[in-house]
Protein backbone atom coordinates (compact mmCIF):
# COMPACT_ATOMS: atom_id res chain seq x y z
CA MET A 1 0.00 0.00 0.00
CA GLN A 2 1.36 3.39 -0.99
CA ILE A 3 1.18 6.22 1.54
CA PRO A 4 -0.29 9.44 0.10
CA LYS A 5 2.10 12.33 -0.48
CA SER A 6 2.81 14.60 2.48
CA ARG A 7 1.06 17.56 0.84
CA TYR A 8 -2.27 15.71 0.73
CA LEU A 9 -1.91 14.48 4.29
CA TYR A 10 -1.17 17.99 5.52
CA ILE A 11 -4.23 19.30 3.66
CA LEU A 12 -6.32 16.65 5.45
CA ALA A 13 -4.73 17.59 8.77
CA PHE A 14 -5.59 21.25 8.15
CA LEU A 15 -9.18 20.42 7.17
CA ALA A 16 -9.55 18.28 10.29
CA VAL A 17 -8.55 21.28 12.42
CA VAL A 18 -11.11 23.42 10.60
CA GLY A 19 -13.72 20.77 11.41
CA LEU A 20 -12.67 20.70 15.06
CA LEU A 21 -12.90 24.46 15.35
CA ILE A 22 -16.34 24.48 13.71
CA THR A 23 -17.40 21.84 16.24
CA ALA A 24 -16.05 24.01 19.07
CA MET A 25 -18.04 26.97 17.77
CA ILE A 26 -21.19 24.81 17.63
CA PHE A 27 -20.58 23.73 21.23
CA GLU A 28 -20.11 27.35 22.29
CA TYR A 29 -22.71 29.25 20.27
CA VAL A 30 -25.39 26.66 19.50
CA MET A 31 -25.23 24.35 22.52
CA MET A 32 -24.21 27.27 24.80
CA LEU A 33 -21.31 25.40 26.44
CA GLU A 34 -19.01 28.06 27.90
CA PRO A 35 -15.34 27.22 27.18
CA CYS A 36 -12.99 27.21 30.17
CA PRO A 37 -9.39 28.51 30.06
CA LEU A 38 -8.01 25.05 29.26
CA CYS A 39 -10.55 24.63 26.44
CA ILE A 40 -9.46 27.92 24.94
CA THR A 41 -5.78 26.98 25.26
CA GLN A 42 -6.50 23.66 23.53
CA ARG A 43 -8.27 25.55 20.73
CA ILE A 44 -5.20 27.77 20.32
CA THR A 45 -3.03 24.66 20.14
CA PHE A 46 -5.29 23.21 17.44
CA ILE A 47 -5.08 26.49 15.52
CA ILE A 48 -1.27 26.30 15.66
CA LEU A 49 -1.37 22.68 14.44
CA GLY A 50 -3.69 23.75 11.63
CA LEU A 51 -1.39 26.60 10.61
CA ILE A 52 1.60 24.25 10.61
CA ALA A 53 -0.34 21.80 8.42
CA LEU A 54 -1.45 24.58 6.07
CA ALA A 55 2.10 25.92 5.77
CA ALA A 56 3.39 22.41 5.07
CA ALA A 57 0.71 21.83 2.43
CA ILE A 58 1.57 25.11 0.70
CA HIS A 59 5.33 24.60 1.04
CA ASN A 60 5.23 20.93 -0.06
CA PRO A 61 8.40 20.14 1.90
CA THR A 62 11.19 17.71 1.14
CA GLY A 63 14.29 16.67 3.04
CA ARG A 64 14.98 18.54 6.26
CA SER A 65 11.97 20.78 5.97
CA LEU A 66 9.71 17.70 5.76
CA ARG A 67 11.17 16.55 9.05
CA SER A 68 10.92 20.06 10.53
CA TYR A 69 7.18 20.10 9.97
CA GLY A 70 6.95 16.65 11.55
CA ILE A 71 8.86 17.89 14.60
CA LEU A 72 6.61 20.96 14.91
CA MET A 73 3.52 18.74 14.72
CA ILE A 74 4.94 16.50 17.45
CA VAL A 75 5.86 19.43 19.73
CA PHE A 76 2.43 21.06 19.58
CA ALA A 77 0.64 17.71 19.78
CA VAL A 78 2.56 17.01 23.01
CA VAL A 79 1.52 20.44 24.35
CA GLY A 80 -2.09 19.55 23.49
CA VAL A 81 -1.79 16.15 25.16
CA GLY A 82 -0.56 17.88 28.31
CA LEU A 83 -3.44 20.37 28.28
CA ALA A 84 -6.10 17.72 27.66
CA THR A 85 -4.58 15.46 30.32
CA ARG A 86 -4.61 18.33 32.82
CA GLN A 87 -8.29 18.97 32.13
CA LEU A 88 -9.13 15.28 32.46
CA TYR A 89 -7.26 15.28 35.78
CA LEU A 90 -9.30 18.28 36.98
CA GLN A 91 -12.52 16.61 35.87
CA GLY A 92 -11.59 13.51 37.83
CA LEU A 93 -11.03 15.39 41.10
CA PRO A 94 -13.68 15.30 43.81
CA PRO A 95 -15.53 18.65 43.82
CA GLU A 96 -13.99 19.71 47.14
CA HIS A 97 -10.46 19.29 45.70
CA ALA A 98 -11.06 21.13 42.42
CA PRO A 99 -9.57 24.60 42.04
CA ALA A 100 -11.82 27.57 42.65
CA CYS A 101 -14.03 28.80 39.83
CA MET A 102 -13.17 32.20 38.43
CA PRO A 103 -14.93 34.91 36.45
CA GLY A 104 -15.20 34.50 32.67
CA ILE A 105 -12.09 34.62 30.53
CA GLU A 106 -13.06 38.01 29.04
CA TYR A 107 -12.98 39.55 32.50
CA LEU A 108 -9.69 37.83 33.40
CA VAL A 109 -8.07 39.20 30.24
CA ASP A 110 -9.08 42.70 31.29
CA ILE A 111 -7.88 42.56 34.91
CA LEU A 112 -4.95 40.14 35.16
CA PRO A 113 -1.34 40.71 34.18
CA MET A 114 -0.25 38.57 31.23
CA ASN A 115 1.91 36.15 33.29
CA GLU A 116 -1.00 35.34 35.63
CA LEU A 117 -3.41 34.95 32.72
CA ILE A 118 -1.03 32.54 30.97
CA ASN A 119 -0.64 30.57 34.21
CA ILE A 120 -4.43 30.23 34.51
CA MET A 121 -4.75 29.32 30.82
CA PHE A 122 -2.34 26.40 31.27
CA LYS A 123 -3.34 25.24 34.78
CA GLY A 124 -7.09 25.68 34.50
CA THR A 125 -9.72 26.71 37.02
CA GLY A 126 -12.67 25.08 38.71
CA ASP A 127 -14.63 25.75 35.52
CA CYS A 128 -12.29 23.30 33.76
CA ALA A 129 -13.41 20.56 36.17
CA LYS A 130 -17.04 20.74 35.00
CA VAL A 131 -18.15 17.96 32.67
CA GLN A 132 -20.53 19.59 30.21
CA TRP A 133 -20.79 16.97 27.46
CA HIS A 134 -20.28 13.24 26.85
CA PHE A 135 -20.09 11.17 23.69
CA LEU A 136 -19.39 7.42 23.74
CA GLY A 137 -18.33 7.73 27.37
CA LEU A 138 -15.71 10.44 26.78
CA THR A 139 -15.83 14.12 27.64
CA ILE A 140 -14.57 16.91 25.37
CA PRO A 141 -10.99 16.77 26.74
CA GLY A 142 -11.04 12.99 26.29
CA TRP A 143 -11.77 13.46 22.61
CA THR A 144 -9.22 16.24 22.26
CA LEU A 145 -6.63 13.99 23.93
CA ILE A 146 -7.26 11.30 21.32
CA THR A 147 -7.04 13.90 18.56
CA PHE A 148 -3.78 15.37 19.87
CA ILE A 149 -2.32 11.86 20.08
CA GLY A 150 -3.38 11.37 16.46
CA TYR A 151 -1.60 14.55 15.41
CA GLY A 152 1.48 13.41 17.33
CA ILE A 153 1.47 10.06 15.53
CA PHE A 154 1.04 11.91 12.24
CA GLY A 155 4.07 14.06 13.10
CA VAL A 156 6.15 10.97 13.93
CA LEU A 157 5.16 9.30 10.68
CA GLU A 158 6.08 12.42 8.72
CA LEU A 159 9.37 12.56 10.60
CA ILE A 160 10.36 9.01 9.66
CA ARG A 161 8.75 8.72 6.22
CA LYS A 162 10.80 8.23 3.10
CA GLN A 163 10.84 11.07 0.62
CA ASP A 164 7.89 11.45 -1.72
CA VAL A 165 9.03 10.17 -5.11
CA ALA A 166 7.16 12.68 -7.28
CA HIS A 167 6.07 16.18 -6.33
């Protein structure tokens, strides 16, 4: 079986991110599920993965640059895995051990210094411990964890793949 060229795989990876972001917007604006700081940080990570995939699709890399895109995909997939794992950890805590809930992210952006805001965005708040949605027994961060792992595997495969024969 022949593996499709990297360009086509990166286009698919980009389109998958577009689909994920559309799904996030449906959750937020149609189903009225308020995103927590960790959700927003995971969205940003997906956007970065999508931009890497789009750049790779446009660039149609070979040689070292092909591996560079694979490494970037792995790095940001690992960041995403960490964020999703942190949110799953918070969701698994008993309510009395969960961090305190905070005001909405819009308010936090207005009042907090950037270093504190970034800390909250990566550590999460009590809002991140709320389970708002299930599908096939997994919550939203469970599904994002699986997706980030998939992007990491994709990055590894692009890192070790042989050169595309024809461009």
